């Protein structure tokens, strides 16, 4: 029988919610800044490196601190849920903007 570490899973979910939200808010902010600048490539690359470093760094730290994979599973699951919500929201905003024209 599989023993679920509920506290570890909850820790991963909460930490994943925080870091994933920062990741996608940073993506939106980075895109706005990059598209308004003369050198968008550098700004997009810097934004990507910082966001990915945060996401992977916290995930690596979580994996090394905990003794099971349940927190890491919660962390990864939350990332994909937040990603799904962010993509749906972006598609709705694009759809609303095209219908308003």
N, C-alpha and C. Protein backbone atom coordinates (compact mmCIF):
# COMPACT_ATOMS: atom_id res chain seq x y z
N UNK A 1 0.83 -1.18 0.00
CA UNK A 1 0.00 0.00 0.00
C UNK A 1 0.89 1.26 0.00
N UNK A 2 0.49 2.24 -0.77
CA UNK A 2 1.24 3.48 -0.88
C UNK A 2 0.90 4.38 0.31
N UNK A 3 1.93 4.87 0.96
CA UNK A 3 1.76 5.79 2.07
C UNK A 3 1.99 7.21 1.55
N UNK A 4 0.96 8.02 1.65
CA UNK A 4 1.04 9.39 1.16
C UNK A 4 1.46 10.31 2.29
N UNK A 5 2.46 11.09 2.04
CA UNK A 5 2.91 12.11 3.00
C UNK A 5 2.09 13.37 2.75
N UNK A 6 0.95 13.47 3.41
CA UNK A 6 0.02 14.57 3.14
C UNK A 6 0.61 15.93 3.50
N UNK A 7 1.36 15.98 4.58
CA UNK A 7 1.98 17.25 4.97
C UNK A 7 3.03 17.68 3.94
N UNK A 8 3.80 16.73 3.46
CA UNK A 8 4.79 17.04 2.43
C UNK A 8 4.13 17.46 1.13
N UNK A 9 3.04 16.78 0.76
CA UNK A 9 2.30 17.13 -0.45
C UNK A 9 1.74 18.54 -0.33
N UNK A 10 1.19 18.86 0.83
CA UNK A 10 0.65 20.20 1.06
C UNK A 10 1.75 21.26 1.00
N UNK A 11 2.90 20.95 1.57
CA UNK A 11 4.05 21.86 1.49
C UNK A 11 4.43 22.12 0.04
N UNK A 12 4.50 21.07 -0.76
CA UNK A 12 4.83 21.22 -2.18
C UNK A 12 3.78 22.02 -2.93
N UNK A 13 2.51 21.79 -2.62
CA UNK A 13 1.44 22.53 -3.28
C UNK A 13 1.51 24.02 -2.95
N UNK A 14 1.72 24.33 -1.68
CA UNK A 14 1.77 25.74 -1.28
C UNK A 14 3.00 26.44 -1.84
N UNK A 15 4.14 25.78 -1.74
CA UNK A 15 5.36 26.36 -2.29
C UNK A 15 5.28 26.48 -3.81
N UNK A 16 4.69 25.49 -4.45
CA UNK A 16 4.51 25.54 -5.90
C UNK A 16 3.57 26.64 -6.33
N UNK A 17 2.53 26.89 -5.54
CA UNK A 17 1.60 27.97 -5.86
C UNK A 17 2.31 29.33 -5.79
N UNK A 18 3.10 29.51 -4.77
CA UNK A 18 3.84 30.77 -4.61
C UNK A 18 4.85 30.97 -5.75
N UNK A 19 5.69 29.97 -5.97
CA UNK A 19 6.77 30.12 -6.97
C UNK A 19 6.20 30.17 -8.39
N UNK A 20 5.20 29.37 -8.69
CA UNK A 20 4.61 29.38 -10.03
C UNK A 20 3.91 30.70 -10.32
N UNK A 21 3.25 31.25 -9.31
CA UNK A 21 2.61 32.55 -9.50
C UNK A 21 3.65 33.62 -9.79
N UNK A 22 4.73 33.62 -9.04
CA UNK A 22 5.81 34.58 -9.29
C UNK A 22 6.40 34.35 -10.69
N UNK A 23 6.53 33.09 -11.09
CA UNK A 23 7.08 32.75 -12.40
C UNK A 23 6.24 33.36 -13.53
N UNK A 24 4.93 33.18 -13.47
CA UNK A 24 4.09 33.66 -14.56
C UNK A 24 3.81 35.15 -14.48
N UNK A 25 3.79 35.72 -13.29
CA UNK A 25 3.69 37.17 -13.17
C UNK A 25 4.97 37.80 -13.73
N UNK A 26 6.10 37.19 -13.44
CA UNK A 26 7.37 37.66 -13.99
C UNK A 26 7.42 37.53 -15.51
N UNK A 27 6.83 36.49 -16.03
CA UNK A 27 6.77 36.31 -17.48
C UNK A 27 5.96 37.44 -18.12
N UNK A 28 4.80 37.73 -17.55
CA UNK A 28 3.96 38.80 -18.10
C UNK A 28 4.67 40.15 -18.02
N UNK A 29 5.29 40.41 -16.88
CA UNK A 29 6.02 41.67 -16.71
C UNK A 29 7.21 41.75 -17.66
N UNK A 30 7.95 40.66 -17.78
CA UNK A 30 9.11 40.63 -18.67
C UNK A 30 8.72 40.84 -20.13
N UNK A 31 7.60 40.29 -20.53
CA UNK A 31 7.14 40.49 -21.91
C UNK A 31 6.77 41.94 -22.16
N UNK A 32 6.09 42.56 -21.20
CA UNK A 32 5.72 43.97 -21.36
C UNK A 32 6.95 44.85 -21.45
N UNK A 33 7.91 44.61 -20.58
CA UNK A 33 9.14 45.41 -20.58
C UNK A 33 9.93 45.18 -21.86
N UNK A 34 10.04 43.93 -22.27
CA UNK A 34 10.83 43.61 -23.46
C UNK A 34 10.21 44.18 -24.73
N UNK A 35 8.90 44.09 -24.83
CA UNK A 35 8.25 44.59 -26.04
C UNK A 35 8.28 46.11 -26.14
N UNK A 36 8.47 46.79 -25.02
CA UNK A 36 8.54 48.25 -25.03
C UNK A 36 9.97 48.76 -25.16
N UNK A 37 10.95 47.87 -25.24
CA UNK A 37 12.35 48.31 -25.27
C UNK A 37 12.94 48.17 -26.66
N UNK A 38 14.15 48.72 -26.80
CA UNK A 38 14.86 48.64 -28.08
C UNK A 38 15.61 47.33 -28.23
N UNK A 39 15.95 46.68 -27.12
CA UNK A 39 16.67 45.41 -27.16
C UNK A 39 15.88 44.34 -26.39
N UNK A 40 14.85 43.80 -27.01
CA UNK A 40 14.00 42.84 -26.29
C UNK A 40 14.70 41.50 -26.03
N UNK A 41 15.66 41.13 -26.87
CA UNK A 41 16.30 39.82 -26.70
C UNK A 41 17.02 39.71 -25.36
N UNK A 42 17.75 40.73 -25.00
CA UNK A 42 18.50 40.70 -23.74
C UNK A 42 17.56 40.66 -22.54
N UNK A 43 16.51 41.45 -22.61
CA UNK A 43 15.56 41.50 -21.50
C UNK A 43 14.80 40.19 -21.37
N UNK A 44 14.42 39.59 -22.48
CA UNK A 44 13.72 38.31 -22.43
C UNK A 44 14.64 37.21 -21.91
N UNK A 45 15.89 37.22 -22.32
CA UNK A 45 16.84 36.22 -21.85
C UNK A 45 17.10 36.37 -20.35
N UNK A 46 17.28 37.59 -19.90
CA UNK A 46 17.50 37.82 -18.48
C UNK A 46 16.28 37.40 -17.66
N UNK A 47 15.10 37.74 -18.14
CA UNK A 47 13.86 37.35 -17.46
C UNK A 47 13.75 35.83 -17.39
N UNK A 48 14.06 35.17 -18.48
CA UNK A 48 13.99 33.71 -18.53
C UNK A 48 14.97 33.07 -17.55
N UNK A 49 16.20 33.57 -17.53
CA UNK A 49 17.22 33.00 -16.64
C UNK A 49 16.83 33.19 -15.18
N UNK A 50 16.35 34.37 -14.83
CA UNK A 50 15.94 34.62 -13.44
C UNK A 50 14.75 33.76 -13.04
N UNK A 51 13.74 33.69 -13.90
CA UNK A 51 12.54 32.91 -13.57
C UNK A 51 12.85 31.42 -13.50
N UNK A 52 13.63 30.92 -14.44
CA UNK A 52 13.97 29.51 -14.43
C UNK A 52 14.87 29.16 -13.25
N UNK A 53 15.79 30.07 -12.92
CA UNK A 53 16.64 29.85 -11.76
C UNK A 53 15.82 29.76 -10.48
N UNK A 54 14.83 30.62 -10.35
CA UNK A 54 13.95 30.58 -9.18
C UNK A 54 13.17 29.27 -9.13
N UNK A 55 12.55 28.92 -10.26
CA UNK A 55 11.72 27.71 -10.31
C UNK A 55 12.53 26.45 -10.02
N UNK A 56 13.66 26.30 -10.69
CA UNK A 56 14.47 25.11 -10.49
C UNK A 56 15.21 25.12 -9.16
N UNK A 57 15.63 26.30 -8.73
CA UNK A 57 16.33 26.40 -7.45
C UNK A 57 15.45 26.00 -6.28
N UNK A 58 14.23 26.50 -6.26
CA UNK A 58 13.31 26.13 -5.19
C UNK A 58 12.95 24.65 -5.29
N UNK A 59 12.74 24.15 -6.50
CA UNK A 59 12.45 22.72 -6.67
C UNK A 59 13.59 21.85 -6.20
N UNK A 60 14.82 22.24 -6.53
CA UNK A 60 15.98 21.49 -6.09
C UNK A 60 16.12 21.55 -4.57
N UNK A 61 15.91 22.72 -4.00
CA UNK A 61 15.97 22.87 -2.55
C UNK A 61 14.91 22.03 -1.86
N UNK A 62 13.73 22.00 -2.41
CA UNK A 62 12.65 21.19 -1.85
C UNK A 62 13.00 19.71 -1.93
N UNK A 63 13.59 19.29 -3.03
CA UNK A 63 13.96 17.88 -3.18
C UNK A 63 15.07 17.48 -2.23
N UNK A 64 15.99 18.38 -1.93
CA UNK A 64 17.09 18.02 -1.05
C UNK A 64 16.70 18.07 0.42
N UNK A 65 15.75 18.94 0.78
CA UNK A 65 15.35 19.09 2.18
C UNK A 65 14.41 17.97 2.62
N UNK A 66 13.54 17.53 1.73
CA UNK A 66 12.54 16.52 2.12
C UNK A 66 13.06 15.12 1.83
N UNK A 67 12.47 14.15 2.52
CA UNK A 67 12.94 12.78 2.38
C UNK A 67 12.10 11.95 1.41
N UNK A 68 10.96 12.48 0.98
CA UNK A 68 10.12 11.75 0.04
C UNK A 68 9.90 12.60 -1.21
N UNK A 69 9.28 12.02 -2.20
CA UNK A 69 9.00 12.75 -3.43
C UNK A 69 7.64 13.43 -3.42
N UNK A 70 6.86 13.27 -2.38
CA UNK A 70 5.53 13.87 -2.33
C UNK A 70 5.55 15.39 -2.42
N UNK A 71 6.46 16.09 -1.70
CA UNK A 71 6.50 17.55 -1.86
C UNK A 71 6.86 17.97 -3.29
N UNK A 72 7.76 17.25 -3.90
CA UNK A 72 8.15 17.57 -5.27
C UNK A 72 7.00 17.32 -6.25
N UNK A 73 6.23 16.27 -6.00
CA UNK A 73 5.05 16.00 -6.83
C UNK A 73 4.04 17.13 -6.70
N UNK A 74 3.79 17.59 -5.47
CA UNK A 74 2.88 18.71 -5.27
C UNK A 74 3.37 19.98 -5.93
N UNK A 75 4.68 20.20 -5.85
CA UNK A 75 5.30 21.38 -6.46
C UNK A 75 5.11 21.36 -7.98
N UNK A 76 5.40 20.23 -8.60
CA UNK A 76 5.28 20.11 -10.05
C UNK A 76 3.81 20.18 -10.49
N UNK A 77 2.94 19.53 -9.74
CA UNK A 77 1.51 19.54 -10.07
C UNK A 77 0.96 20.97 -10.03
N UNK A 78 1.34 21.72 -9.01
CA UNK A 78 0.88 23.10 -8.90
C UNK A 78 1.40 23.95 -10.04
N UNK A 79 2.63 23.72 -10.47
CA UNK A 79 3.17 24.48 -11.60
C UNK A 79 2.28 24.28 -12.84
N UNK A 80 1.92 23.04 -13.11
CA UNK A 80 1.11 22.78 -14.30
C UNK A 80 -0.31 23.32 -14.17
N UNK A 81 -0.86 23.33 -12.97
CA UNK A 81 -2.19 23.91 -12.76
C UNK A 81 -2.14 25.42 -12.97
N UNK A 82 -1.15 26.08 -12.39
CA UNK A 82 -1.00 27.54 -12.56
C UNK A 82 -0.72 27.87 -14.03
N UNK A 83 0.07 27.05 -14.69
CA UNK A 83 0.36 27.25 -16.12
C UNK A 83 -0.93 27.15 -16.95
N UNK A 84 -1.75 26.15 -16.64
CA UNK A 84 -3.02 25.97 -17.34
C UNK A 84 -3.91 27.20 -17.15
N UNK A 85 -4.00 27.70 -15.93
CA UNK A 85 -4.82 28.87 -15.64
C UNK A 85 -4.27 30.10 -16.36
N UNK A 86 -2.96 30.27 -16.34
CA UNK A 86 -2.35 31.43 -17.01
C UNK A 86 -2.59 31.39 -18.52
N UNK A 87 -2.48 30.22 -19.12
CA UNK A 87 -2.72 30.10 -20.56
C UNK A 87 -4.18 30.36 -20.91
N UNK A 88 -5.10 29.84 -20.10
CA UNK A 88 -6.52 30.08 -20.35
C UNK A 88 -6.85 31.56 -20.24
N UNK A 89 -6.26 32.21 -19.24
CA UNK A 89 -6.50 33.64 -19.05
C UNK A 89 -5.94 34.45 -20.22
N UNK A 90 -4.75 34.09 -20.67
CA UNK A 90 -4.14 34.81 -21.80
C UNK A 90 -4.97 34.60 -23.07
N UNK A 91 -5.45 33.40 -23.30
CA UNK A 91 -6.27 33.15 -24.49
C UNK A 91 -7.58 33.92 -24.42
N UNK A 92 -8.17 34.01 -23.23
CA UNK A 92 -9.42 34.77 -23.09
C UNK A 92 -9.18 36.25 -23.34
N UNK A 93 -8.07 36.79 -22.86
CA UNK A 93 -7.76 38.20 -23.09
C UNK A 93 -7.51 38.47 -24.57
N UNK A 94 -6.83 37.56 -25.24
CA UNK A 94 -6.59 37.73 -26.67
C UNK A 94 -7.91 37.65 -27.43
N UNK A 95 -8.76 36.70 -27.05
CA UNK A 95 -10.05 36.54 -27.70
C UNK A 95 -10.92 37.78 -27.49
N UNK A 96 -10.93 38.30 -26.28
CA UNK A 96 -11.71 39.51 -26.01
C UNK A 96 -11.20 40.71 -26.79
N UNK A 97 -9.88 40.81 -26.92
CA UNK A 97 -9.29 41.93 -27.65
C UNK A 97 -9.60 41.85 -29.14
N UNK A 98 -9.62 40.66 -29.71
CA UNK A 98 -9.93 40.53 -31.13
C UNK A 98 -11.42 40.74 -31.42
N UNK A 99 -12.28 40.37 -30.48
CA UNK A 99 -13.72 40.56 -30.68
C UNK A 99 -14.13 42.00 -30.46
N UNK A 100 -13.34 42.75 -29.72
CA UNK A 100 -13.66 44.16 -29.46
C UNK A 100 -13.39 45.04 -30.67
N UNK A 101 -12.60 44.56 -31.60
CA UNK A 101 -12.27 45.37 -32.79
C UNK A 101 -13.39 45.42 -33.75
